[in-house]
Amino acid sequence: DISTGKITDYIKFDTGNLCMVTGGRNLGRVGLVTNRERHPGSFDIVHVKDAAGHSFATRLSNIFIIGKGNKPWVSLPKGKGILLSIAEERDKRLAAKAATAGV
């Protein structure tokens, strides 16, 4: 609660929770935590699976939990944190351009 400064609830870092990547090559991606590899003396690795079914891994320090299960507690950006391939991005841009040209 912002007005009182009190913590009303929190989310534990567990597998199956929704997370957002806050650094590295996968910056801005959103997905479910599927696995956590512990490497003593080195960086812990977290495996994440996004809504499109793509799996990727990143360091634990780059992960921020944003929801319990697959329900986010915060509002997501317009792309819902899904990384599109270059071809998918091009097709989406061309479809939007054709839709505006046809109107």
N, C-alpha and C. Protein backbone atom coordinates (compact mmCIF):
# COMPACT_ATOMS: atom_id res chain seq x y z
N ASP A 1 0.85 -1.18 0.00
CA ASP A 1 0.00 0.00 0.00
C ASP A 1 0.90 1.24 0.00
N ILE A 2 0.78 2.07 -1.01
CA ILE A 2 1.67 3.21 -1.17
C ILE A 2 1.35 4.32 -0.16
N SER A 3 0.08 4.54 0.12
CA SER A 3 -0.29 5.66 1.01
C SER A 3 0.21 5.46 2.43
N THR A 4 0.16 4.21 2.94
CA THR A 4 0.62 3.95 4.31
C THR A 4 2.05 3.47 4.36
N GLY A 5 2.61 3.01 3.23
CA GLY A 5 3.98 2.50 3.21
C GLY A 5 4.10 1.10 3.75
N LYS A 6 2.98 0.40 3.86
CA LYS A 6 2.98 -0.96 4.40
C LYS A 6 2.98 -1.99 3.27
N ILE A 7 3.65 -3.13 3.52
CA ILE A 7 3.64 -4.24 2.57
C ILE A 7 2.40 -5.08 2.85
N THR A 8 1.55 -5.25 1.82
CA THR A 8 0.32 -6.02 2.01
C THR A 8 0.50 -7.47 1.62
N ASP A 9 1.32 -7.75 0.62
CA ASP A 9 1.56 -9.13 0.16
C ASP A 9 2.88 -9.17 -0.60
N TYR A 10 3.41 -10.36 -0.78
CA TYR A 10 4.66 -10.52 -1.52
C TYR A 10 4.63 -11.84 -2.29
N ILE A 11 5.55 -11.97 -3.23
CA ILE A 11 5.64 -13.17 -4.06
C ILE A 11 7.00 -13.81 -3.83
N LYS A 12 7.03 -15.11 -3.54
CA LYS A 12 8.29 -15.80 -3.36
C LYS A 12 8.89 -16.16 -4.72
N PHE A 13 10.22 -16.31 -4.75
CA PHE A 13 10.89 -16.71 -5.98
C PHE A 13 10.78 -18.23 -6.09
N ASP A 14 9.78 -18.70 -6.82
CA ASP A 14 9.54 -20.14 -7.00
C ASP A 14 9.36 -20.45 -8.47
N THR A 15 9.53 -21.71 -8.83
CA THR A 15 9.24 -22.12 -10.20
C THR A 15 7.73 -22.03 -10.41
N GLY A 16 7.33 -21.66 -11.61
CA GLY A 16 5.92 -21.51 -11.94
C GLY A 16 5.40 -20.10 -11.77
N ASN A 17 6.21 -19.18 -11.23
CA ASN A 17 5.78 -17.79 -11.09
C ASN A 17 6.19 -16.97 -12.31
N LEU A 18 5.46 -15.91 -12.57
CA LEU A 18 5.70 -15.05 -13.72
C LEU A 18 6.83 -14.08 -13.40
N CYS A 19 7.74 -13.91 -14.36
CA CYS A 19 8.88 -13.03 -14.12
C CYS A 19 9.13 -12.16 -15.35
N MET A 20 9.87 -11.07 -15.12
CA MET A 20 10.32 -10.21 -16.20
C MET A 20 11.84 -10.13 -16.13
N VAL A 21 12.48 -10.16 -17.29
CA VAL A 21 13.94 -10.07 -17.34
C VAL A 21 14.33 -8.60 -17.33
N THR A 22 15.21 -8.22 -16.40
CA THR A 22 15.57 -6.81 -16.21
C THR A 22 16.96 -6.49 -16.71
N GLY A 23 17.65 -7.43 -17.36
CA GLY A 23 18.98 -7.15 -17.88
C GLY A 23 19.44 -8.24 -18.83
N GLY A 24 20.51 -7.98 -19.54
CA GLY A 24 21.07 -8.98 -20.46
C GLY A 24 20.43 -8.94 -21.83
N ARG A 25 20.69 -9.99 -22.58
CA ARG A 25 20.21 -10.07 -23.96
C ARG A 25 18.70 -10.21 -24.05
N ASN A 26 18.07 -10.79 -23.03
CA ASN A 26 16.62 -11.03 -23.03
C ASN A 26 15.83 -9.94 -22.31
N LEU A 27 16.40 -8.75 -22.24
CA LEU A 27 15.81 -7.63 -21.52
C LEU A 27 14.36 -7.38 -21.95
N GLY A 28 13.46 -7.29 -20.98
CA GLY A 28 12.06 -6.98 -21.26
C GLY A 28 11.18 -8.18 -21.52
N ARG A 29 11.75 -9.36 -21.62
CA ARG A 29 10.94 -10.55 -21.88
C ARG A 29 10.21 -10.98 -20.61
N VAL A 30 9.03 -11.55 -20.78
CA VAL A 30 8.20 -12.00 -19.67
C VAL A 30 7.91 -13.48 -19.86
N GLY A 31 7.96 -14.25 -18.79
CA GLY A 31 7.66 -15.67 -18.89
C GLY A 31 7.58 -16.33 -17.53
N LEU A 32 7.33 -17.64 -17.54
CA LEU A 32 7.23 -18.43 -16.32
C LEU A 32 8.58 -19.03 -15.98
N VAL A 33 8.96 -18.98 -14.71
CA VAL A 33 10.20 -19.60 -14.26
C VAL A 33 9.99 -21.11 -14.28
N THR A 34 10.80 -21.83 -15.06
CA THR A 34 10.66 -23.28 -15.15
C THR A 34 11.70 -24.01 -14.32
N ASN A 35 12.88 -23.43 -14.16
CA ASN A 35 13.95 -24.14 -13.46
C ASN A 35 14.96 -23.13 -12.95
N ARG A 36 15.63 -23.49 -11.85
CA ARG A 36 16.71 -22.65 -11.30
C ARG A 36 17.91 -23.54 -11.02
N GLU A 37 19.03 -23.22 -11.68
CA GLU A 37 20.27 -23.98 -11.47
C GLU A 37 21.14 -23.21 -10.49
N ARG A 38 21.54 -23.87 -9.41
CA ARG A 38 22.42 -23.23 -8.44
C ARG A 38 23.86 -23.59 -8.77
N HIS A 39 24.71 -22.57 -8.86
CA HIS A 39 26.13 -22.76 -9.13
C HIS A 39 26.92 -22.04 -8.04
N PRO A 40 27.30 -22.74 -6.97
CA PRO A 40 28.04 -22.07 -5.89
C PRO A 40 29.36 -21.48 -6.41
N GLY A 41 29.61 -20.23 -6.06
CA GLY A 41 30.83 -19.56 -6.49
C GLY A 41 30.72 -18.94 -7.86
N SER A 42 29.59 -19.12 -8.52
CA SER A 42 29.39 -18.56 -9.85
C SER A 42 27.97 -18.00 -9.93
N PHE A 43 27.49 -17.68 -11.11
CA PHE A 43 26.16 -17.12 -11.28
C PHE A 43 25.12 -18.23 -11.32
N ASP A 44 24.01 -18.04 -10.58
CA ASP A 44 22.89 -18.96 -10.67
C ASP A 44 22.15 -18.67 -11.97
N ILE A 45 21.68 -19.74 -12.63
CA ILE A 45 21.00 -19.63 -13.92
C ILE A 45 19.52 -19.96 -13.73
N VAL A 46 18.64 -19.15 -14.34
CA VAL A 46 17.20 -19.37 -14.28
C VAL A 46 16.70 -19.63 -15.69
N HIS A 47 15.92 -20.70 -15.85
CA HIS A 47 15.32 -21.03 -17.15
C HIS A 47 13.89 -20.51 -17.15
N VAL A 48 13.52 -19.82 -18.24
CA VAL A 48 12.22 -19.17 -18.35
C VAL A 48 11.56 -19.61 -19.65
N LYS A 49 10.23 -19.77 -19.62
CA LYS A 49 9.46 -20.11 -20.83
C LYS A 49 8.41 -19.02 -21.03
N ASP A 50 8.42 -18.37 -22.21
CA ASP A 50 7.47 -17.28 -22.44
C ASP A 50 6.14 -17.79 -22.98
N ALA A 51 5.19 -16.89 -23.19
CA ALA A 51 3.84 -17.25 -23.61
C ALA A 51 3.82 -17.88 -25.00
N ALA A 52 4.80 -17.57 -25.83
CA ALA A 52 4.87 -18.14 -27.18
C ALA A 52 5.48 -19.54 -27.18
N GLY A 53 5.94 -20.02 -26.01
CA GLY A 53 6.50 -21.35 -25.91
C GLY A 53 8.01 -21.40 -26.07
N HIS A 54 8.65 -20.24 -26.24
CA HIS A 54 10.10 -20.19 -26.39
C HIS A 54 10.76 -20.23 -25.02
N SER A 55 11.78 -21.07 -24.87
CA SER A 55 12.52 -21.16 -23.61
C SER A 55 13.86 -20.45 -23.75
N PHE A 56 14.30 -19.82 -22.66
CA PHE A 56 15.60 -19.17 -22.64
C PHE A 56 16.11 -19.18 -21.21
N ALA A 57 17.39 -18.91 -21.05
CA ALA A 57 18.02 -18.91 -19.72
C ALA A 57 18.75 -17.60 -19.51
N THR A 58 18.80 -17.15 -18.26
CA THR A 58 19.51 -15.93 -17.92
C THR A 58 19.99 -16.03 -16.47
N ARG A 59 20.80 -15.07 -16.05
CA ARG A 59 21.30 -15.06 -14.69
C ARG A 59 20.17 -14.69 -13.70
N LEU A 60 20.30 -15.21 -12.51
CA LEU A 60 19.32 -14.94 -11.47
C LEU A 60 19.19 -13.45 -11.17
N SER A 61 20.30 -12.71 -11.25
CA SER A 61 20.27 -11.28 -10.94
C SER A 61 19.47 -10.48 -11.97
N ASN A 62 19.20 -11.07 -13.15
CA ASN A 62 18.44 -10.38 -14.20
C ASN A 62 16.94 -10.66 -14.13
N ILE A 63 16.49 -11.41 -13.12
CA ILE A 63 15.09 -11.84 -13.03
C ILE A 63 14.37 -11.05 -11.94
N PHE A 64 13.14 -10.60 -12.26
CA PHE A 64 12.30 -9.92 -11.28
C PHE A 64 10.92 -10.57 -11.34
N ILE A 65 10.46 -11.14 -10.23
CA ILE A 65 9.17 -11.83 -10.19
C ILE A 65 8.05 -10.78 -10.18
N ILE A 66 7.08 -10.93 -11.10
CA ILE A 66 6.01 -9.93 -11.22
C ILE A 66 4.62 -10.52 -11.03
N GLY A 67 4.51 -11.84 -10.78
CA GLY A 67 3.18 -12.40 -10.59
C GLY A 67 3.20 -13.81 -10.07
N LYS A 68 2.10 -14.21 -9.44
CA LYS A 68 1.95 -15.58 -8.94
C LYS A 68 1.30 -16.42 -10.02
N GLY A 69 1.84 -17.62 -10.25
CA GLY A 69 1.33 -18.45 -11.34
C GLY A 69 1.57 -17.75 -12.65
N ASN A 70 0.56 -17.69 -13.51
CA ASN A 70 0.73 -16.97 -14.77
C ASN A 70 -0.08 -15.68 -14.80
N LYS A 71 -0.49 -15.19 -13.62
CA LYS A 71 -1.24 -13.94 -13.54
C LYS A 71 -0.33 -12.82 -13.04
N PRO A 72 -0.09 -11.79 -13.88
CA PRO A 72 0.78 -10.69 -13.46
C PRO A 72 0.12 -9.78 -12.43
N TRP A 73 0.89 -9.28 -11.47
CA TRP A 73 0.40 -8.32 -10.49
C TRP A 73 0.63 -6.89 -10.96
N VAL A 74 1.33 -6.71 -12.07
CA VAL A 74 1.60 -5.40 -12.63
C VAL A 74 1.10 -5.38 -14.07
N SER A 75 0.91 -4.19 -14.63
CA SER A 75 0.50 -4.12 -16.03
C SER A 75 1.71 -4.37 -16.93
N LEU A 76 1.49 -5.10 -18.00
CA LEU A 76 2.56 -5.47 -18.92
C LEU A 76 2.59 -4.51 -20.11
N PRO A 77 3.75 -4.38 -20.79
CA PRO A 77 3.81 -3.53 -21.98
C PRO A 77 2.96 -4.10 -23.12
N LYS A 78 2.81 -3.35 -24.20
CA LYS A 78 1.87 -3.73 -25.26
C LYS A 78 2.18 -5.07 -25.91
N GLY A 79 3.45 -5.47 -26.01
CA GLY A 79 3.78 -6.76 -26.61
C GLY A 79 3.71 -7.92 -25.65
N LYS A 80 3.31 -7.67 -24.42
CA LYS A 80 3.20 -8.67 -23.36
C LYS A 80 4.53 -9.36 -23.08
N GLY A 81 5.65 -8.71 -23.45
CA GLY A 81 6.96 -9.25 -23.13
C GLY A 81 7.38 -10.43 -23.97
N ILE A 82 6.79 -10.58 -25.16
CA ILE A 82 7.14 -11.69 -26.05
C ILE A 82 8.10 -11.18 -27.12
N LEU A 83 9.25 -11.84 -27.24
CA LEU A 83 10.25 -11.46 -28.23
C LEU A 83 9.88 -12.08 -29.58
N LEU A 84 9.70 -11.24 -30.59
CA LEU A 84 9.39 -11.73 -31.93
C LEU A 84 10.68 -11.91 -32.71
N SER A 85 10.68 -12.91 -33.59
CA SER A 85 11.84 -13.06 -34.48
C SER A 85 11.80 -11.92 -35.50
N ILE A 86 12.86 -11.76 -36.23
CA ILE A 86 12.94 -10.67 -37.21
C ILE A 86 11.85 -10.83 -38.27
N ALA A 87 11.60 -12.06 -38.71
CA ALA A 87 10.57 -12.31 -39.73
C ALA A 87 9.18 -12.02 -39.17
N GLU A 88 8.91 -12.43 -37.93
CA GLU A 88 7.60 -12.18 -37.32
C GLU A 88 7.36 -10.68 -37.14
N GLU A 89 8.42 -9.97 -36.75
CA GLU A 89 8.31 -8.53 -36.56
C GLU A 89 8.02 -7.83 -37.89
N ARG A 90 8.70 -8.27 -38.95
CA ARG A 90 8.49 -7.68 -40.28
C ARG A 90 7.06 -7.93 -40.75
N ASP A 91 6.57 -9.17 -40.60
CA ASP A 91 5.21 -9.49 -41.03
C ASP A 91 4.16 -8.67 -40.28
N LYS A 92 4.37 -8.48 -38.97
CA LYS A 92 3.45 -7.69 -38.17
C LYS A 92 3.45 -6.23 -38.62
N ARG A 93 4.65 -5.68 -38.91
CA ARG A 93 4.76 -4.30 -39.35
C ARG A 93 4.10 -4.10 -40.72
N LEU A 94 4.32 -5.05 -41.63
CA LEU A 94 3.71 -4.96 -42.97
C LEU A 94 2.21 -5.08 -42.91
N ALA A 95 1.69 -5.95 -42.03
CA ALA A 95 0.25 -6.10 -41.89
C ALA A 95 -0.38 -4.83 -41.34
N ALA A 96 0.30 -4.18 -40.38
CA ALA A 96 -0.22 -2.93 -39.83
C ALA A 96 -0.19 -1.82 -40.88
N LYS A 97 0.86 -1.81 -41.71
CA LYS A 97 0.98 -0.80 -42.78
C LYS A 97 -0.11 -1.00 -43.82
N ALA A 98 -0.38 -2.27 -44.17
CA ALA A 98 -1.42 -2.56 -45.16
C ALA A 98 -2.81 -2.20 -44.62
N ALA A 99 -3.02 -2.40 -43.32
CA ALA A 99 -4.31 -2.08 -42.73
C ALA A 99 -4.57 -0.57 -42.73
N THR A 100 -3.52 0.21 -42.45
CA THR A 100 -3.70 1.66 -42.46
C THR A 100 -3.82 2.21 -43.88
N ALA A 101 -3.15 1.57 -44.83
CA ALA A 101 -3.22 2.02 -46.24
C ALA A 101 -4.58 1.69 -46.84
N GLY A 102 -5.20 0.59 -46.38
CA GLY A 102 -6.49 0.18 -46.91
C GLY A 102 -7.64 1.01 -46.39
N VAL A 103 -7.44 1.75 -45.33
CA VAL A 103 -8.54 2.53 -44.72
C VAL A 103 -8.75 3.83 -45.39
